[in-house]
Amino acid sequence: MATLEQLGAEKYVLVTTYRKDGRAVATPVWVVPDGGGLAFWTFNEAAKLKRIRNNGRVTLAACDMRGNPSGESLEASARIGDRADLDRIKSAIKRKYGLAGWLTLTGSRLRRGADGTTAVLVS
């Protein structure tokens, strides 16, 4: 069974969130280790944020960039972070993903502005 620490070291993690009717929706994301858990960022209008606000239960699994799982899944709890969390997560993404991370974050800031994204913390 994978741990949050192990998943934080993966390049991509499949995050499965749940709709109100219980249907699962899986999305591959970049993740970074964050304390004893992991974190990722997404744009404010992402449906996964709405689902996390309604139900913080998530399932995580290592995956490739297309979302094909490559390991066992792990149940966890997700919550929306604040501005300080977002700044910390963005810095960690730049460190972990290098130039690709910097380009992605810069492109997002140009498209959505400084307040267009949200941090999600998973424990």
PDB file of N, CA and C in Angstrom:
ATOM      1  N   MET A   1       0.852  -1.189   0.000  1.00  0.00           N
ATOM      2  CA  MET A   1       0.000   0.000   0.000  1.00  0.00           C
ATOM      3  C   MET A   1       0.890   1.243   0.000  1.00  0.00           C
ATOM      4  N   ALA A   2       0.624   2.132  -0.906  1.00  0.00           N
ATOM      5  CA  ALA A   2       1.386   3.380  -1.004  1.00  0.00           C
ATOM      6  C   ALA A   2       1.028   4.305   0.163  1.00  0.00           C
ATOM      7  N   THR A   3       1.975   5.151   0.537  1.00  0.00           N
ATOM      8  CA  THR A   3       1.724   6.151   1.576  1.00  0.00           C
ATOM      9  C   THR A   3       1.657   7.527   0.917  1.00  0.00           C
ATOM     10  N   LEU A   4       1.141   8.497   1.649  1.00  0.00           N
ATOM     11  CA  LEU A   4       1.106   9.866   1.115  1.00  0.00           C
ATOM     12  C   LEU A   4       2.516  10.353   0.815  1.00  0.00           C
ATOM     13  N   GLU A   5       3.465   9.993   1.649  1.00  0.00           N
ATOM     14  CA  GLU A   5       4.851  10.410   1.422  1.00  0.00           C
ATOM     15  C   GLU A   5       5.384   9.842   0.107  1.00  0.00           C
ATOM     16  N   GLN A   6       5.111   8.570  -0.158  1.00  0.00           N
ATOM     17  CA  GLN A   6       5.542   7.954  -1.415  1.00  0.00           C
ATOM     18  C   GLN A   6       4.850   8.596  -2.610  1.00  0.00           C
ATOM     19  N   LEU A   7       3.555   8.860  -2.481  1.00  0.00           N
ATOM     20  CA  LEU A   7       2.826   9.492  -3.583  1.00  0.00           C
ATOM     21  C   LEU A   7       3.317  10.914  -3.834  1.00  0.00           C
ATOM     22  N   GLY A   8       3.753  11.611  -2.790  1.00  0.00           N
ATOM     23  CA  GLY A   8       4.292  12.957  -2.946  1.00  0.00           C
ATOM     24  C   GLY A   8       5.551  13.001  -3.790  1.00  0.00           C
ATOM     25  N   ALA A   9       6.243  11.883  -3.877  1.00  0.00           N
ATOM     26  CA  ALA A   9       7.457  11.798  -4.689  1.00  0.00           C
ATOM     27  C   ALA A   9       7.166  11.454  -6.148  1.00  0.00           C
ATOM     28  N   GLU A  10       5.945  11.031  -6.443  1.00  0.00           N
ATOM     29  CA  GLU A  10       5.572  10.680  -7.821  1.00  0.00           C
ATOM     30  C   GLU A  10       5.453  11.933  -8.683  1.00  0.00           C
ATOM     31  N   LYS A  11       5.647  11.760  -9.989  1.00  0.00           N
ATOM     32  CA  LYS A  11       5.482  12.891 -10.902  1.00  0.00           C
ATOM     33  C   LYS A  11       4.007  13.223 -11.102  1.00  0.00           C
ATOM     34  N   TYR A  12       3.175  12.198 -11.255  1.00  0.00           N
ATOM     35  CA  TYR A  12       1.729  12.381 -11.426  1.00  0.00           C
ATOM     36  C   TYR A  12       0.989  11.489 -10.436  1.00  0.00           C
ATOM     37  N   VAL A  13      -0.110  12.007  -9.931  1.00  0.00           N
ATOM     38  CA  VAL A  13      -0.981  11.230  -9.049  1.00  0.00           C
ATOM     39  C   VAL A  13      -2.411  11.381  -9.553  1.00  0.00           C
ATOM     40  N   LEU A  14      -3.119  10.274  -9.612  1.00  0.00           N
ATOM     41  CA  LEU A  14      -4.521  10.278 -10.003  1.00  0.00           C
ATOM     42  C   LEU A  14      -5.351  10.586  -8.759  1.00  0.00           C
ATOM     43  N   VAL A  15      -5.999  11.746  -8.767  1.00  0.00           N
ATOM     44  CA  VAL A  15      -6.847  12.167  -7.652  1.00  0.00           C
ATOM     45  C   VAL A  15      -8.297  11.906  -8.052  1.00  0.00           C
ATOM     46  N   THR A  16      -8.953  11.076  -7.268  1.00  0.00           N
ATOM     47  CA  THR A  16     -10.360  10.772  -7.526  1.00  0.00           C
ATOM     48  C   THR A  16     -11.200  11.486  -6.484  1.00  0.00           C
ATOM     49  N   THR A  17     -12.112  12.329  -6.970  1.00  0.00           N
ATOM     50  CA  THR A  17     -13.067  13.026  -6.110  1.00  0.00           C
ATOM     51  C   THR A  17     -14.444  12.442  -6.387  1.00  0.00           C
ATOM     52  N   TYR A  18     -15.405  12.787  -5.532  1.00  0.00           N
ATOM     53  CA  TYR A  18     -16.716  12.151  -5.628  1.00  0.00           C
ATOM     54  C   TYR A  18     -17.835  13.177  -5.751  1.00  0.00           C
ATOM     55  N   ARG A  19     -18.712  12.937  -6.719  1.00  0.00           N
ATOM     56  CA  ARG A  19     -19.883  13.791  -6.920  1.00  0.00           C
ATOM     57  C   ARG A  19     -20.889  13.538  -5.801  1.00  0.00           C
ATOM     58  N   LYS A  20     -21.884  14.417  -5.700  1.00  0.00           N
ATOM     59  CA  LYS A  20     -22.916  14.262  -4.668  1.00  0.00           C
ATOM     60  C   LYS A  20     -23.629  12.919  -4.765  1.00  0.00           C
ATOM     61  N   ASP A  21     -23.778  12.417  -5.990  1.00  0.00           N
ATOM     62  CA  ASP A  21     -24.463  11.137  -6.163  1.00  0.00           C
ATOM     63  C   ASP A  21     -23.531   9.940  -5.969  1.00  0.00           C
ATOM     64  N   GLY A  22     -22.271  10.209  -5.606  1.00  0.00           N
ATOM     65  CA  GLY A  22     -21.324   9.140  -5.314  1.00  0.00           C
ATOM     66  C   GLY A  22     -20.454   8.705  -6.467  1.00  0.00           C
ATOM     67  N   ARG A  23     -20.732   9.205  -7.671  1.00  0.00           N
ATOM     68  CA  ARG A  23     -19.901   8.822  -8.817  1.00  0.00           C
ATOM     69  C   ARG A  23     -18.494   9.392  -8.681  1.00  0.00           C
ATOM     70  N   ALA A  24     -17.518   8.588  -9.031  1.00  0.00           N
ATOM     71  CA  ALA A  24     -16.111   8.977  -8.937  1.00  0.00           C
ATOM     72  C   ALA A  24     -15.666   9.706 -10.199  1.00  0.00           C
ATOM     73  N   VAL A  25     -14.824  10.733 -10.017  1.00  0.00           N
ATOM     74  CA  VAL A  25     -14.237  11.469 -11.129  1.00  0.00           C
ATOM     75  C   VAL A  25     -12.729  11.549 -10.862  1.00  0.00           C
ATOM     76  N   ALA A  26     -11.941  10.962 -11.751  1.00  0.00           N
ATOM     77  CA  ALA A  26     -10.492  10.899 -11.555  1.00  0.00           C
ATOM     78  C   ALA A  26      -9.772  11.895 -12.464  1.00  0.00           C
ATOM     79  N   THR A  27      -8.740  12.542 -11.908  1.00  0.00           N
ATOM     80  CA  THR A  27      -7.962  13.531 -12.651  1.00  0.00           C
ATOM     81  C   THR A  27      -6.486  13.374 -12.294  1.00  0.00           C
ATOM     82  N   PRO A  28      -5.588  13.265 -13.293  1.00  0.00           N
ATOM     83  CA  PRO A  28      -4.159  13.249 -12.978  1.00  0.00           C
ATOM     84  C   PRO A  28      -3.677  14.667 -12.661  1.00  0.00           C
ATOM     85  N   VAL A  29      -2.867  14.810 -11.619  1.00  0.00           N
ATOM     86  CA  VAL A  29      -2.338  16.114 -11.223  1.00  0.00           C
ATOM     87  C   VAL A  29      -0.876  15.987 -10.831  1.00  0.00           C
ATOM     88  N   TRP A  30      -0.160  17.114 -10.886  1.00  0.00           N
ATOM     89  CA  TRP A  30       1.159  17.203 -10.288  1.00  0.00           C
ATOM     90  C   TRP A  30       0.960  17.350  -8.789  1.00  0.00           C
ATOM     91  N   VAL A  31       1.792  16.698  -8.006  1.00  0.00           N
ATOM     92  CA  VAL A  31       1.703  16.822  -6.556  1.00  0.00           C
ATOM     93  C   VAL A  31       3.069  17.130  -5.971  1.00  0.00           C
ATOM     94  N   VAL A  32       3.054  17.712  -4.788  1.00  0.00           N
ATOM     95  CA  VAL A  32       4.284  17.952  -4.042  1.00  0.00           C
ATOM     96  C   VAL A  32       4.073  17.483  -2.606  1.00  0.00           C
ATOM     97  N   PRO A  33       5.146  17.001  -1.956  1.00  0.00           N
ATOM     98  CA  PRO A  33       5.026  16.654  -0.544  1.00  0.00           C
ATOM     99  C   PRO A  33       4.727  17.915   0.254  1.00  0.00           C
ATOM    100  N   ASP A  34       3.927  17.775   1.301  1.00  0.00           N
ATOM    101  CA  ASP A  34       3.576  18.923   2.129  1.00  0.00           C
ATOM    102  C   ASP A  34       3.397  18.446   3.563  1.00  0.00           C
ATOM    103  N   GLY A  35       4.438  18.616   4.364  1.00  0.00           N
ATOM    104  CA  GLY A  35       4.387  18.100   5.729  1.00  0.00           C
ATOM    105  C   GLY A  35       4.255  16.588   5.686  1.00  0.00           C
ATOM    106  N   GLY A  36       3.267  16.058   6.378  1.00  0.00           N
ATOM    107  CA  GLY A  36       3.032  14.620   6.363  1.00  0.00           C
ATOM    108  C   GLY A  36       2.105  14.181   5.256  1.00  0.00           C
ATOM    109  N   GLY A  37       1.640  15.117   4.446  1.00  0.00           N
ATOM    110  CA  GLY A  37       0.723  14.791   3.361  1.00  0.00           C
ATOM    111  C   GLY A  37       1.276  15.210   2.022  1.00  0.00           C
ATOM    112  N   LEU A  38       0.385  15.590   1.136  1.00  0.00           N
ATOM    113  CA  LEU A  38       0.800  16.111  -0.163  1.00  0.00           C
ATOM    114  C   LEU A  38      -0.175  17.202  -0.569  1.00  0.00           C
ATOM    115  N   ALA A  39       0.166  17.907  -1.620  1.00  0.00           N
ATOM    116  CA  ALA A  39      -0.666  19.027  -2.063  1.00  0.00           C
ATOM    117  C   ALA A  39      -0.573  19.171  -3.572  1.00  0.00           C
ATOM    118  N   PHE A  40      -1.588  19.839  -4.128  1.00  0.00           N
ATOM    119  CA  PHE A  40      -1.567  20.194  -5.543  1.00  0.00           C
ATOM    120  C   PHE A  40      -2.323  21.503  -5.698  1.00  0.00           C
ATOM    121  N   TRP A  41      -2.238  22.102  -6.875  1.00  0.00           N
ATOM    122  CA  TRP A  41      -2.961  23.341  -7.140  1.00  0.00           C
ATOM    123  C   TRP A  41      -3.817  23.131  -8.371  1.00  0.00           C
ATOM    124  N   THR A  42      -4.860  23.921  -8.471  1.00  0.00           N
ATOM    125  CA  THR A  42      -5.751  23.851  -9.615  1.00  0.00           C
ATOM    126  C   THR A  42      -6.417  25.200  -9.795  1.00  0.00           C
ATOM    127  N   PHE A  43      -7.019  25.428 -10.943  1.00  0.00           N
ATOM    128  CA  PHE A  43      -7.673  26.710 -11.181  1.00  0.00           C
ATOM    129  C   PHE A  43      -8.996  26.768 -10.412  1.00  0.00           C
ATOM    130  N   ASN A  44      -9.396  27.971 -10.069  1.00  0.00           N
ATOM    131  CA  ASN A  44     -10.546  28.182  -9.185  1.00  0.00           C
ATOM    132  C   ASN A  44     -11.860  27.617  -9.705  1.00  0.00           C
ATOM    133  N   GLU A  45     -12.018  27.529 -11.010  1.00  0.00           N
ATOM    134  CA  GLU A  45     -13.276  27.056 -11.573  1.00  0.00           C
ATOM    135  C   GLU A  45     -13.302  25.546 -11.776  1.00  0.00           C
ATOM    136  N   ALA A  46     -12.264  24.850 -11.358  1.00  0.00           N
ATOM    137  CA  ALA A  46     -12.191  23.403 -11.559  1.00  0.00           C
ATOM    138  C   ALA A  46     -13.321  22.701 -10.804  1.00  0.00           C
ATOM    139  N   ALA A  47     -13.959  21.771 -11.481  1.00  0.00           N
ATOM    140  CA  ALA A  47     -15.060  21.035 -10.857  1.00  0.00           C
ATOM    141  C   ALA A  47     -14.574  20.230  -9.648  1.00  0.00           C
ATOM    142  N   LYS A  48     -13.311  19.805  -9.667  1.00  0.00           N
ATOM    143  CA  LYS A  48     -12.813  19.029  -8.526  1.00  0.00           C
ATOM    144  C   LYS A  48     -12.836  19.849  -7.239  1.00  0.00           C
ATOM    145  N   LEU A  49     -12.676  21.171  -7.331  1.00  0.00           N
ATOM    146  CA  LEU A  49     -12.765  22.008  -6.126  1.00  0.00           C
ATOM    147  C   LEU A  49     -14.175  21.987  -5.553  1.00  0.00           C
ATOM    148  N   LYS A  50     -15.161  22.064  -6.412  1.00  0.00           N
ATOM    149  CA  LYS A  50     -16.555  21.999  -5.962  1.00  0.00           C
ATOM    150  C   LYS A  50     -16.813  20.659  -5.283  1.00  0.00           C
ATOM    151  N   ARG A  51     -16.314  19.584  -5.892  1.00  0.00           N
ATOM    152  CA  ARG A  51     -16.522  18.261  -5.303  1.00  0.00           C
ATOM    153  C   ARG A  51     -15.802  18.131  -3.965  1.00  0.00           C
ATOM    154  N   ILE A  52     -14.593  18.682  -3.846  1.00  0.00           N
ATOM    155  CA  ILE A  52     -13.848  18.619  -2.582  1.00  0.00           C
ATOM    156  C   ILE A  52     -14.556  19.437  -1.508  1.00  0.00           C
ATOM    157  N   ARG A  53     -15.117  20.581  -1.880  1.00  0.00           N
ATOM    158  CA  ARG A  53     -15.864  21.384  -0.900  1.00  0.00           C
ATOM    159  C   ARG A  53     -17.078  20.607  -0.373  1.00  0.00           C
ATOM    160  N   ASN A  54     -17.726  19.850  -1.247  1.00  0.00           N
ATOM    161  CA  ASN A  54     -18.897  19.064  -0.848  1.00  0.00           C
ATOM    162  C   ASN A  54     -18.531  17.800  -0.085  1.00  0.00           C
ATOM    163  N   ASN A  55     -17.401  17.207  -0.439  1.00  0.00           N
ATOM    164  CA  ASN A  55     -16.984  15.938   0.156  1.00  0.00           C
ATOM    165  C   ASN A  55     -15.464  15.848   0.050  1.00  0.00           C
ATOM    166  N   GLY A  56     -14.771  15.942   1.170  1.00  0.00           N
ATOM    167  CA  GLY A  56     -13.312  15.939   1.174  1.00  0.00           C
ATOM    168  C   GLY A  56     -12.683  14.575   0.972  1.00  0.00           C
ATOM    169  N   ARG A  57     -13.485  13.536   0.827  1.00  0.00           N
ATOM    170  CA  ARG A  57     -12.932  12.195   0.608  1.00  0.00           C
ATOM    171  C   ARG A  57     -12.328  12.105  -0.787  1.00  0.00           C
ATOM    172  N   VAL A  58     -11.088  11.653  -0.853  1.00  0.00           N
ATOM    173  CA  VAL A  58     -10.416  11.449  -2.135  1.00  0.00           C
ATOM    174  C   VAL A  58      -9.709  10.103  -2.119  1.00  0.00           C
ATOM    175  N   THR A  59      -9.457   9.599  -3.298  1.00  0.00           N
ATOM    176  CA  THR A  59      -8.648   8.403  -3.483  1.00  0.00           C
ATOM    177  C   THR A  59      -7.473   8.805  -4.362  1.00  0.00           C
ATOM    178  N   LEU A  60      -6.282   8.339  -4.015  1.00  0.00           N
ATOM    179  CA  LEU A  60      -5.061   8.709  -4.722  1.00  0.00           C
ATOM    180  C   LEU A  60      -4.343   7.458  -5.219  1.00  0.00           C
ATOM    181  N   ALA A  61      -3.702   7.576  -6.369  1.00  0.00           N
ATOM    182  CA  ALA A  61      -2.875   6.491  -6.896  1.00  0.00           C
ATOM    183  C   ALA A  61      -1.830   7.093  -7.825  1.00  0.00           C
ATOM    184  N   ALA A  62      -0.645   6.521  -7.820  1.00  0.00           N
ATOM    185  CA  ALA A  62       0.383   6.932  -8.781  1.00  0.00           C
ATOM    186  C   ALA A  62      -0.157   6.641 -10.180  1.00  0.00           C
ATOM    187  N   CYS A  63       0.207   7.507 -11.142  1.00  0.00           N
ATOM    188  CA  CYS A  63      -0.280   7.316 -12.508  1.00  0.00           C
ATOM    189  C   CYS A  63       0.689   7.949 -13.494  1.00  0.00           C
ATOM    190  N   ASP A  64       0.396   7.757 -14.780  1.00  0.00           N
ATOM    191  CA  ASP A  64       1.165   8.451 -15.816  1.00  0.00           C
ATOM    192  C   ASP A  64       0.435   9.746 -16.166  1.00  0.00           C
ATOM    193  N   MET A  65       0.972  10.507 -17.110  1.00  0.00           N
ATOM    194  CA  MET A  65       0.386  11.811 -17.423  1.00  0.00           C
ATOM    195  C   MET A  65      -1.025  11.712 -18.016  1.00  0.00           C
ATOM    196  N   ARG A  66      -1.393  10.565 -18.511  1.00  0.00           N
ATOM    197  CA  ARG A  66      -2.734  10.376 -19.077  1.00  0.00           C
ATOM    198  C   ARG A  66      -3.739   9.864 -18.044  1.00  0.00           C
ATOM    199  N   GLY A  67      -3.266   9.610 -16.816  1.00  0.00           N
ATOM    200  CA  GLY A  67      -4.168   9.152 -15.765  1.00  0.00           C
ATOM    201  C   GLY A  67      -4.303   7.650 -15.648  1.00  0.00           C
ATOM    202  N   ASN A  68      -3.412   6.901 -16.300  1.00  0.00           N
ATOM    203  CA  ASN A  68      -3.439   5.445 -16.173  1.00  0.00           C
ATOM    204  C   ASN A  68      -2.754   5.050 -14.872  1.00  0.00           C
ATOM    205  N   PRO A  69      -3.478   4.466 -13.920  1.00  0.00           N
ATOM    206  CA  PRO A  69      -2.882   4.140 -12.622  1.00  0.00           C
ATOM    207  C   PRO A  69      -1.714   3.169 -12.757  1.00  0.00           C
ATOM    208  N   SER A  70      -0.704   3.363 -11.926  1.00  0.00           N
ATOM    209  CA  SER A  70       0.463   2.479 -11.939  1.00  0.00           C
ATOM    210  C   SER A  70       0.752   1.925 -10.558  1.00  0.00           C
ATOM    211  N   GLY A  71      -0.191   2.062  -9.654  1.00  0.00           N
ATOM    212  CA  GLY A  71       0.002   1.544  -8.307  1.00  0.00           C
ATOM    213  C   GLY A  71      -1.325   1.418  -7.592  1.00  0.00           C
ATOM    214  N   GLU A  72      -1.245   0.967  -6.364  1.00  0.00           N
ATOM    215  CA  GLU A  72      -2.440   0.798  -5.539  1.00  0.00           C
ATOM    216  C   GLU A  72      -2.998   2.153  -5.124  1.00  0.00           C
ATOM    217  N   SER A  73      -4.298   2.179  -4.854  1.00  0.00           N
ATOM    218  CA  SER A  73      -4.930   3.432  -4.435  1.00  0.00           C
ATOM    219  C   SER A  73      -4.910   3.562  -2.917  1.00  0.00           C
ATOM    220  N   LEU A  74      -5.059   4.802  -2.484  1.00  0.00           N
ATOM    221  CA  LEU A  74      -5.006   5.153  -1.064  1.00  0.00           C
ATOM    222  C   LEU A  74      -6.131   6.134  -0.776  1.00  0.00           C
ATOM    223  N   GLU A  75      -6.909   5.868   0.258  1.00  0.00           N
ATOM    224  CA  GLU A  75      -7.963   6.790   0.684  1.00  0.00           C
ATOM    225  C   GLU A  75      -7.341   7.914   1.497  1.00  0.00           C
ATOM    226  N   ALA A  76      -7.822   9.134   1.310  1.00  0.00           N
ATOM    227  CA  ALA A  76      -7.303  10.282   2.052  1.00  0.00           C
ATOM    228  C   ALA A  76      -8.394  11.342   2.166  1.00  0.00           C
ATOM    229  N   SER A  77      -8.035  12.438   2.802  1.00  0.00           N
ATOM    230  CA  SER A  77      -8.954  13.550   2.991  1.00  0.00           C
ATOM    231  C   SER A  77      -8.323  14.809   2.407  1.00  0.00           C
ATOM    232  N   ALA A  78      -9.103  15.570   1.638  1.00  0.00           N
ATOM    233  CA  ALA A  78      -8.601  16.790   1.005  1.00  0.00           C
ATOM    234  C   ALA A  78      -9.343  17.998   1.559  1.00  0.00           C
ATOM    235  N   ARG A  79      -8.627  19.122   1.603  1.00  0.00           N
ATOM    236  CA  ARG A  79      -9.249  20.378   2.009  1.00  0.00           C
ATOM    237  C   ARG A  79      -8.642  21.508   1.196  1.00  0.00           C
ATOM    238  N   ILE A  80      -9.368  22.598   1.095  1.00  0.00           N
ATOM    239  CA  ILE A  80      -8.924  23.770   0.351  1.00  0.00           C
ATOM    240  C   ILE A  80      -7.962  24.565   1.231  1.00  0.00           C
ATOM    241  N   GLY A  81      -6.826  24.963   0.660  1.00  0.00           N
ATOM    242  CA  GLY A  81      -5.836  25.737   1.396  1.00  0.00           C
ATOM    243  C   GLY A  81      -6.081  27.231   1.287  1.00  0.00           C
ATOM    244  N   ASP A  82      -5.308  27.986   2.055  1.00  0.00           N
ATOM    245  CA  ASP A  82      -5.397  29.447   2.016  1.00  0.00           C
ATOM    246  C   ASP A  82      -4.279  30.020   1.137  1.00  0.00           C
ATOM    247  N   ARG A  83      -4.156  31.332   1.125  1.00  0.00           N
ATOM    248  CA  ARG A  83      -3.159  32.008   0.265  1.00  0.00           C
ATOM    249  C   ARG A  83      -1.730  31.593   0.613  1.00  0.00           C
ATOM    250  N   ALA A  84      -1.430  31.477   1.902  1.00  0.00           N
ATOM    251  CA  ALA A  84      -0.080  31.059   2.314  1.00  0.00           C
ATOM    252  C   ALA A  84       0.209  29.640   1.823  1.00  0.00           C
ATOM    253  N   ASP A  85      -0.793  28.769   1.890  1.00  0.00           N
ATOM    254  CA  ASP A  85      -0.626  27.406   1.373  1.00  0.00           C
ATOM    255  C   ASP A  85      -0.345  27.444  -0.128  1.00  0.00           C
ATOM    256  N   LEU A  86      -1.093  28.256  -0.861  1.00  0.00           N
ATOM    257  CA  LEU A  86      -0.916  28.352  -2.303  1.00  0.00           C
ATOM    258  C   LEU A  86       0.493  28.818  -2.653  1.00  0.00           C
ATOM    259  N   ASP A  87       0.986  29.840  -1.966  1.00  0.00           N
ATOM    260  CA  ASP A  87       2.347  30.330  -2.229  1.00  0.00           C
ATOM    261  C   ASP A  87       3.377  29.242  -1.963  1.00  0.00           C
ATOM    262  N   ARG A  88       3.204  28.495  -0.863  1.00  0.00           N
ATOM    263  CA  ARG A  88       4.134  27.417  -0.514  1.00  0.00           C
ATOM    264  C   ARG A  88       4.086  26.303  -1.565  1.00  0.00           C
ATOM    265  N   ILE A  89       2.899  25.952  -2.011  1.00  0.00           N
ATOM    266  CA  ILE A  89       2.746  24.872  -2.986  1.00  0.00           C
ATOM    267  C   ILE A  89       3.325  25.277  -4.339  1.00  0.00           C
ATOM    268  N   LYS A  90       3.097  26.505  -4.753  1.00  0.00           N
ATOM    269  CA  LYS A  90       3.663  26.974  -6.028  1.00  0.00           C
ATOM    270  C   LYS A  90       5.185  26.927  -5.993  1.00  0.00           C
ATOM    271  N   SER A  91       5.785  27.337  -4.890  1.00  0.00           N
ATOM    272  CA  SER A  91       7.246  27.271  -4.762  1.00  0.00           C
ATOM    273  C   SER A  91       7.738  25.831  -4.842  1.00  0.00           C
ATOM    274  N   ALA A  92       7.025  24.935  -4.200  1.00  0.00           N
ATOM    275  CA  ALA A  92       7.407  23.521  -4.228  1.00  0.00           C
ATOM    276  C   ALA A  92       7.269  22.939  -5.631  1.00  0.00           C
ATOM    277  N   ILE A  93       6.243  23.355  -6.363  1.00  0.00           N
ATOM    278  CA  ILE A  93       6.063  22.878  -7.740  1.00  0.00           C
ATOM    279  C   ILE A  93       7.232  23.347  -8.611  1.00  0.00           C
ATOM    280  N   LYS A  94       7.640  24.596  -8.453  1.00  0.00           N
ATOM    281  CA  LYS A  94       8.782  25.098  -9.227  1.00  0.00           C
ATOM    282  C   LYS A  94      10.043  24.293  -8.925  1.00  0.00           C
ATOM    283  N   ARG A  95      10.251  23.962  -7.655  1.00  0.00           N
ATOM    284  CA  ARG A  95      11.440  23.177  -7.284  1.00  0.00           C
ATOM    285  C   ARG A  95      11.367  21.758  -7.854  1.00  0.00           C
ATOM    286  N   LYS A  96      10.228  21.117  -7.706  1.00  0.00           N
ATOM    287  CA  LYS A  96      10.101  19.715  -8.109  1.00  0.00           C
ATOM    288  C   LYS A  96      10.061  19.548  -9.628  1.00  0.00           C
ATOM    289  N   TYR A  97       9.331  20.408 -10.325  1.00  0.00           N
ATOM    290  CA  TYR A  97       9.102  20.222 -11.755  1.00  0.00           C
ATOM    291  C   TYR A  97       9.973  21.113 -12.637  1.00  0.00           C
ATOM    292  N   GLY A  98      10.835  21.923 -12.024  1.00  0.00           N
ATOM    293  CA  GLY A  98      11.804  22.707 -12.777  1.00  0.00           C
ATOM    294  C   GLY A  98      11.186  23.676 -13.764  1.00  0.00           C
ATOM    295  N   LEU A  99      11.784  23.740 -14.950  1.00  0.00           N
ATOM    296  CA  LEU A  99      11.343  24.671 -15.977  1.00  0.00           C
ATOM    297  C   LEU A  99       9.881  24.435 -16.374  1.00  0.00           C
ATOM    298  N   ALA A 100       9.477  23.170 -16.498  1.00  0.00           N
ATOM    299  CA  ALA A 100       8.086  22.873 -16.854  1.00  0.00           C
ATOM    300  C   ALA A 100       7.131  23.423 -15.799  1.00  0.00           C
ATOM    301  N   GLY A 101       7.487  23.295 -14.534  1.00  0.00           N
ATOM    302  CA  GLY A 101       6.664  23.834 -13.456  1.00  0.00           C
ATOM    303  C   GLY A 101       6.590  25.340 -13.515  1.00  0.00           C
ATOM    304  N   TRP A 102       7.732  25.979 -13.721  1.00  0.00           N
ATOM    305  CA  TRP A 102       7.767  27.443 -13.797  1.00  0.00           C
ATOM    306  C   TRP A 102       6.920  27.942 -14.969  1.00  0.00           C
ATOM    307  N   LEU A 103       7.075  27.303 -16.135  1.00  0.00           N
ATOM    308  CA  LEU A 103       6.306  27.713 -17.314  1.00  0.00           C
ATOM    309  C   LEU A 103       4.805  27.525 -17.102  1.00  0.00           C
ATOM    310  N   THR A 104       4.425  26.427 -16.501  1.00  0.00           N
ATOM    311  CA  THR A 104       3.008  26.163 -16.253  1.00  0.00           C
ATOM    312  C   THR A 104       2.420  27.182 -15.288  1.00  0.00           C
ATOM    313  N   LEU A 105       3.124  27.452 -14.200  1.00  0.00           N
ATOM    314  CA  LEU A 105       2.637  28.424 -13.220  1.00  0.00           C
ATOM    315  C   LEU A 105       2.584  29.833 -13.805  1.00  0.00           C
ATOM    316  N   THR A 106       3.588  30.193 -14.588  1.00  0.00           N
ATOM    317  CA  THR A 106       3.608  31.521 -15.215  1.00  0.00           C
ATOM    318  C   THR A 106       2.463  31.657 -16.216  1.00  0.00           C
ATOM    319  N   GLY A 107       2.255  30.634 -17.033  1.00  0.00           N
ATOM    320  CA  GLY A 107       1.147  30.656 -17.986  1.00  0.00           C
ATOM    321  C   GLY A 107      -0.200  30.761 -17.283  1.00  0.00           C
ATOM    322  N   SER A 108      -0.342  30.048 -16.188  1.00  0.00           N
ATOM    323  CA  SER A 108      -1.584  30.114 -15.414  1.00  0.00           C
ATOM    324  C   SER A 108      -1.802  31.511 -14.844  1.00  0.00           C
ATOM    325  N   ARG A 109      -0.734  32.111 -14.318  1.00  0.00           N
ATOM    326  CA  ARG A 109      -0.855  33.462 -13.753  1.00  0.00           C
ATOM    327  C   ARG A 109      -1.230  34.470 -14.839  1.00  0.00           C
ATOM    328  N   LEU A 110      -0.671  34.330 -16.046  1.00  0.00           N
ATOM    329  CA  LEU A 110      -0.997  35.237 -17.144  1.00  0.00           C
ATOM    330  C   LEU A 110      -2.451  35.065 -17.597  1.00  0.00           C
ATOM    331  N   ARG A 111      -2.947  33.828 -17.626  1.00  0.00           N
ATOM    332  CA  ARG A 111      -4.326  33.556 -18.050  1.00  0.00           C
ATOM    333  C   ARG A 111      -5.356  33.907 -16.989  1.00  0.00           C
ATOM    334  N   ARG A 112      -5.056  33.564 -15.736  1.00  0.00           N
ATOM    335  CA  ARG A 112      -6.068  33.655 -14.681  1.00  0.00           C
ATOM    336  C   ARG A 112      -5.797  34.733 -13.642  1.00  0.00           C
ATOM    337  N   GLY A 113      -4.618  35.325 -13.685  1.00  0.00           N
ATOM    338  CA  GLY A 113      -4.261  36.324 -12.682  1.00  0.00           C
ATOM    339  C   GLY A 113      -3.685  35.662 -11.434  1.00  0.00           C
ATOM    340  N   ALA A 114      -3.219  36.494 -10.518  1.00  0.00           N
ATOM    341  CA  ALA A 114      -2.564  36.005  -9.303  1.00  0.00           C
ATOM    342  C   ALA A 114      -3.512  35.233  -8.396  1.00  0.00           C
ATOM    343  N   ASP A 115      -4.812  35.527  -8.470  1.00  0.00           N
ATOM    344  CA  ASP A 115      -5.781  34.874  -7.587  1.00  0.00           C
ATOM    345  C   ASP A 115      -6.640  33.842  -8.315  1.00  0.00           C
ATOM    346  N   GLY A 116      -6.162  33.330  -9.428  1.00  0.00           N
ATOM    347  CA  GLY A 116      -6.965  32.411 -10.233  1.00  0.00           C
ATOM    348  C   GLY A 116      -6.800  30.947  -9.911  1.00  0.00           C
ATOM    349  N   THR A 117      -5.951  30.623  -8.922  1.00  0.00           N
ATOM    350  CA  THR A 117      -5.731  29.215  -8.587  1.00  0.00           C
ATOM    351  C   THR A 117      -5.884  29.001  -7.077  1.00  0.00           C
ATOM    352  N   THR A 118      -6.030  27.743  -6.704  1.00  0.00           N
ATOM    353  CA  THR A 118      -6.258  27.359  -5.322  1.00  0.00           C
ATOM    354  C   THR A 118      -5.388  26.169  -4.978  1.00  0.00           C
ATOM    355  N   ALA A 119      -4.894  26.132  -3.748  1.00  0.00           N
ATOM    356  CA  ALA A 119      -4.140  24.982  -3.241  1.00  0.00           C
ATOM    357  C   ALA A 119      -5.103  23.984  -2.624  1.00  0.00           C
ATOM    358  N   VAL A 120      -4.805  22.697  -2.839  1.00  0.00           N
ATOM    359  CA  VAL A 120      -5.561  21.616  -2.209  1.00  0.00           C
ATOM    360  C   VAL A 120      -4.569  20.818  -1.381  1.00  0.00           C
ATOM    361  N   LEU A 121      -4.877  20.632  -0.105  1.00  0.00           N
ATOM    362  CA  LEU A 121      -4.018  19.913   0.828  1.00  0.00           C
ATOM    363  C   LEU A 121      -4.647  18.555   1.124  1.00  0.00           C
ATOM    364  N   VAL A 122      -3.837  17.511   1.044  1.00  0.00           N
ATOM    365  CA  VAL A 122      -4.334  16.149   1.240  1.00  0.00           C
ATOM    366  C   VAL A 122      -3.618  15.511   2.421  1.00  0.00           C
ATOM    367  N   SER A 123      -4.394  14.941   3.318  1.00  0.00           N
ATOM    368  CA  SER A 123      -3.799  14.266   4.483  1.00  0.00           C
ATOM    369  C   SER A 123      -4.495  12.953   4.726  1.00  0.00           C
TER     370      SER A 123
END
